Amino acid sequence: MSEIIIREIEENDLEKGFLESLDFLRKASDIDKNKAKEILKKIKQNPNHIIHLNMNQMACDMIIIKNIFLIFF
C-alpha cells in the first residue's frame, strides 16, 4: 500500500494531474497551464486561502488526488 501524503499544493502539481482531478467538481483540465499557474499564484499570495492535497505519490510522478481541501477565511 502506498503512503498517504498531505501537503500544501505546489505549482508543479498543475502538470501532474491536479487540474484533471478538479474535473470532478468543475471542468478544469482544459484551462491554459499558464493561466492555471497565474490563478494558483494569486491564491497562494493570500494567507487566508489554503489548498492542501491528500494524495498518493506514484513512482511515475503522477498525482492521484484523494481529497482536495480548499480553505478560505
N, C-alpha and C. Protein backbone atom coordinates (compact mmCIF):
# COMPACT_ATOMS: atom_id res chain seq x y z
N MET A 1 0.84 -1.18 0.00
CA MET A 1 0.00 0.00 0.00
C MET A 1 0.89 1.24 0.00
N SER A 2 0.57 2.20 -0.84
CA SER A 2 1.40 3.39 -0.92
C SER A 2 1.08 4.36 0.22
N GLU A 3 2.07 5.15 0.55
CA GLU A 3 1.97 6.11 1.64
C GLU A 3 1.03 7.26 1.28
N ILE A 4 0.21 7.67 2.22
CA ILE A 4 -0.66 8.83 2.04
C ILE A 4 0.10 10.07 2.45
N ILE A 5 0.06 11.10 1.63
CA ILE A 5 0.76 12.35 1.89
C ILE A 5 -0.25 13.48 1.92
N ILE A 6 -0.17 14.32 2.94
CA ILE A 6 -0.99 15.53 3.00
C ILE A 6 -0.03 16.70 3.03
N ARG A 7 -0.15 17.59 2.05
CA ARG A 7 0.76 18.74 1.95
C ARG A 7 0.09 19.86 1.19
N GLU A 8 0.69 21.04 1.28
CA GLU A 8 0.19 22.19 0.54
C GLU A 8 0.48 22.01 -0.95
N ILE A 9 -0.41 22.51 -1.77
CA ILE A 9 -0.24 22.40 -3.22
C ILE A 9 1.01 23.14 -3.68
N GLU A 10 1.65 22.62 -4.73
CA GLU A 10 2.81 23.24 -5.35
C GLU A 10 2.50 23.48 -6.82
N GLU A 11 3.18 24.44 -7.41
CA GLU A 11 2.91 24.81 -8.81
C GLU A 11 3.05 23.61 -9.76
N ASN A 12 4.04 22.77 -9.54
CA ASN A 12 4.24 21.64 -10.46
C ASN A 12 3.13 20.59 -10.36
N ASP A 13 2.27 20.67 -9.33
CA ASP A 13 1.12 19.77 -9.24
C ASP A 13 0.14 20.00 -10.39
N LEU A 14 0.16 21.21 -10.95
CA LEU A 14 -0.72 21.53 -12.08
C LEU A 14 -0.39 20.65 -13.29
N GLU A 15 0.86 20.23 -13.40
CA GLU A 15 1.31 19.39 -14.51
C GLU A 15 1.17 17.90 -14.22
N LYS A 16 0.80 17.56 -12.99
CA LYS A 16 0.79 16.16 -12.56
C LYS A 16 -0.60 15.62 -12.27
N GLY A 17 -1.63 16.23 -12.83
CA GLY A 17 -2.97 15.68 -12.68
C GLY A 17 -3.91 16.44 -11.77
N PHE A 18 -3.45 17.54 -11.17
CA PHE A 18 -4.33 18.30 -10.27
C PHE A 18 -5.55 18.84 -11.00
N LEU A 19 -5.34 19.45 -12.17
CA LEU A 19 -6.47 20.05 -12.91
C LEU A 19 -7.45 18.98 -13.36
N GLU A 20 -6.93 17.82 -13.75
CA GLU A 20 -7.82 16.72 -14.15
C GLU A 20 -8.65 16.24 -12.95
N SER A 21 -8.05 16.25 -11.77
CA SER A 21 -8.79 15.87 -10.56
C SER A 21 -9.91 16.86 -10.26
N LEU A 22 -9.69 18.13 -10.57
CA LEU A 22 -10.72 19.15 -10.34
C LEU A 22 -11.92 18.96 -11.27
N ASP A 23 -11.74 18.22 -12.36
CA ASP A 23 -12.85 17.98 -13.29
C ASP A 23 -14.05 17.34 -12.61
N PHE A 24 -13.83 16.65 -11.48
CA PHE A 24 -14.94 16.06 -10.75
C PHE A 24 -15.84 17.13 -10.13
N LEU A 25 -15.27 18.31 -9.88
CA LEU A 25 -16.04 19.43 -9.33
C LEU A 25 -16.54 20.35 -10.44
N ARG A 26 -15.64 20.71 -11.32
CA ARG A 26 -15.93 21.60 -12.45
C ARG A 26 -14.81 21.40 -13.47
N LYS A 27 -15.15 21.42 -14.74
CA LYS A 27 -14.16 21.19 -15.80
C LYS A 27 -12.99 22.16 -15.64
N ALA A 28 -11.79 21.61 -15.45
CA ALA A 28 -10.61 22.44 -15.24
C ALA A 28 -9.41 21.97 -16.06
N SER A 29 -9.46 20.75 -16.58
CA SER A 29 -8.29 20.20 -17.26
C SER A 29 -7.98 20.88 -18.59
N ASP A 30 -8.94 21.62 -19.13
CA ASP A 30 -8.70 22.28 -20.41
C ASP A 30 -8.23 23.73 -20.26
N ILE A 31 -8.02 24.18 -19.01
CA ILE A 31 -7.54 25.54 -18.81
C ILE A 31 -6.08 25.65 -19.25
N ASP A 32 -5.71 26.78 -19.78
CA ASP A 32 -4.33 27.04 -20.19
C ASP A 32 -3.43 26.92 -18.96
N LYS A 33 -2.32 26.19 -19.09
CA LYS A 33 -1.43 25.94 -17.96
C LYS A 33 -0.87 27.23 -17.37
N ASN A 34 -0.56 28.21 -18.20
CA ASN A 34 -0.06 29.49 -17.70
C ASN A 34 -1.13 30.23 -16.91
N LYS A 35 -2.37 30.15 -17.37
CA LYS A 35 -3.48 30.77 -16.64
C LYS A 35 -3.68 30.08 -15.31
N ALA A 36 -3.57 28.75 -15.29
CA ALA A 36 -3.71 27.99 -14.04
C ALA A 36 -2.62 28.38 -13.04
N LYS A 37 -1.40 28.55 -13.53
CA LYS A 37 -0.29 28.96 -12.66
C LYS A 37 -0.53 30.35 -12.10
N GLU A 38 -1.06 31.24 -12.94
CA GLU A 38 -1.37 32.60 -12.51
C GLU A 38 -2.44 32.60 -11.41
N ILE A 39 -3.48 31.79 -11.59
CA ILE A 39 -4.55 31.69 -10.59
C ILE A 39 -4.01 31.11 -9.29
N LEU A 40 -3.21 30.04 -9.38
CA LEU A 40 -2.64 29.43 -8.19
C LEU A 40 -1.75 30.41 -7.44
N LYS A 41 -0.94 31.16 -8.17
CA LYS A 41 -0.06 32.14 -7.54
C LYS A 41 -0.88 33.19 -6.78
N LYS A 42 -1.96 33.63 -7.37
CA LYS A 42 -2.83 34.62 -6.74
C LYS A 42 -3.46 34.05 -5.46
N ILE A 43 -3.90 32.79 -5.52
CA ILE A 43 -4.49 32.15 -4.34
C ILE A 43 -3.46 32.03 -3.23
N LYS A 44 -2.25 31.59 -3.58
CA LYS A 44 -1.22 31.36 -2.58
C LYS A 44 -0.69 32.65 -1.97
N GLN A 45 -0.84 33.78 -2.66
CA GLN A 45 -0.39 35.06 -2.11
C GLN A 45 -1.28 35.53 -0.97
N ASN A 46 -2.50 35.03 -0.90
CA ASN A 46 -3.42 35.41 0.16
C ASN A 46 -3.27 34.40 1.30
N PRO A 47 -2.77 34.83 2.47
CA PRO A 47 -2.56 33.89 3.57
C PRO A 47 -3.86 33.29 4.12
N ASN A 48 -5.00 33.85 3.73
CA ASN A 48 -6.29 33.32 4.18
C ASN A 48 -6.83 32.24 3.25
N HIS A 49 -6.14 31.95 2.17
CA HIS A 49 -6.54 30.91 1.23
C HIS A 49 -5.51 29.80 1.26
N ILE A 50 -5.96 28.60 1.52
CA ILE A 50 -5.06 27.45 1.65
C ILE A 50 -5.62 26.29 0.82
N ILE A 51 -4.77 25.62 0.07
CA ILE A 51 -5.15 24.41 -0.65
C ILE A 51 -4.20 23.32 -0.20
N HIS A 52 -4.75 22.26 0.39
CA HIS A 52 -3.96 21.10 0.77
C HIS A 52 -4.45 19.89 -0.02
N LEU A 53 -3.54 19.01 -0.35
CA LEU A 53 -3.84 17.80 -1.09
C LEU A 53 -3.65 16.59 -0.20
N ASN A 54 -4.55 15.64 -0.30
CA ASN A 54 -4.42 14.33 0.33
C ASN A 54 -4.24 13.38 -0.83
N MET A 55 -3.06 12.80 -0.98
CA MET A 55 -2.74 12.11 -2.22
C MET A 55 -1.83 10.92 -2.01
N ASN A 56 -1.71 10.13 -3.05
CA ASN A 56 -0.70 9.08 -3.15
C ASN A 56 0.31 9.55 -4.17
N GLN A 57 1.57 9.47 -3.85
CA GLN A 57 2.62 9.83 -4.80
C GLN A 57 3.03 8.56 -5.54
N MET A 58 2.81 8.53 -6.82
CA MET A 58 3.14 7.36 -7.63
C MET A 58 4.58 7.49 -8.14
N ALA A 59 5.18 6.36 -8.48
CA ALA A 59 6.57 6.33 -8.95
C ALA A 59 6.75 7.13 -10.24
N CYS A 60 5.72 7.24 -11.05
CA CYS A 60 5.84 7.93 -12.33
C CYS A 60 5.61 9.44 -12.19
N ASP A 61 5.53 9.94 -10.95
CA ASP A 61 5.30 11.37 -10.68
C ASP A 61 3.95 11.86 -11.14
N MET A 62 2.98 11.00 -11.22
CA MET A 62 1.60 11.41 -11.49
C MET A 62 0.87 11.44 -10.17
N ILE A 63 0.19 12.51 -9.90
CA ILE A 63 -0.50 12.66 -8.62
C ILE A 63 -1.90 12.07 -8.72
N ILE A 64 -2.23 11.24 -7.76
CA ILE A 64 -3.58 10.72 -7.63
C ILE A 64 -4.18 11.40 -6.40
N ILE A 65 -5.10 12.31 -6.63
CA ILE A 65 -5.70 13.09 -5.56
C ILE A 65 -6.81 12.28 -4.90
N LYS A 66 -6.76 12.18 -3.60
CA LYS A 66 -7.82 11.52 -2.84
C LYS A 66 -8.83 12.56 -2.35
N ASN A 67 -8.33 13.68 -1.85
CA ASN A 67 -9.17 14.78 -1.38
C ASN A 67 -8.46 16.09 -1.66
N ILE A 68 -9.22 17.12 -1.86
CA ILE A 68 -8.68 18.47 -2.01
C ILE A 68 -9.37 19.31 -0.93
N PHE A 69 -8.57 19.98 -0.12
CA PHE A 69 -9.10 20.81 0.92
C PHE A 69 -8.90 22.27 0.52
N LEU A 70 -9.97 22.96 0.26
CA LEU A 70 -9.92 24.38 -0.06
C LEU A 70 -10.40 25.13 1.17
N ILE A 71 -9.55 25.93 1.75
CA ILE A 71 -9.90 26.65 2.97
C ILE A 71 -9.78 28.14 2.69
N PHE A 72 -10.88 28.84 2.79
CA PHE A 72 -10.89 30.28 2.57
C PHE A 72 -11.44 30.95 3.82
N PHE A 73 -10.68 31.89 4.37
CA PHE A 73 -11.12 32.62 5.56
C PHE A 73 -11.73 33.93 5.17
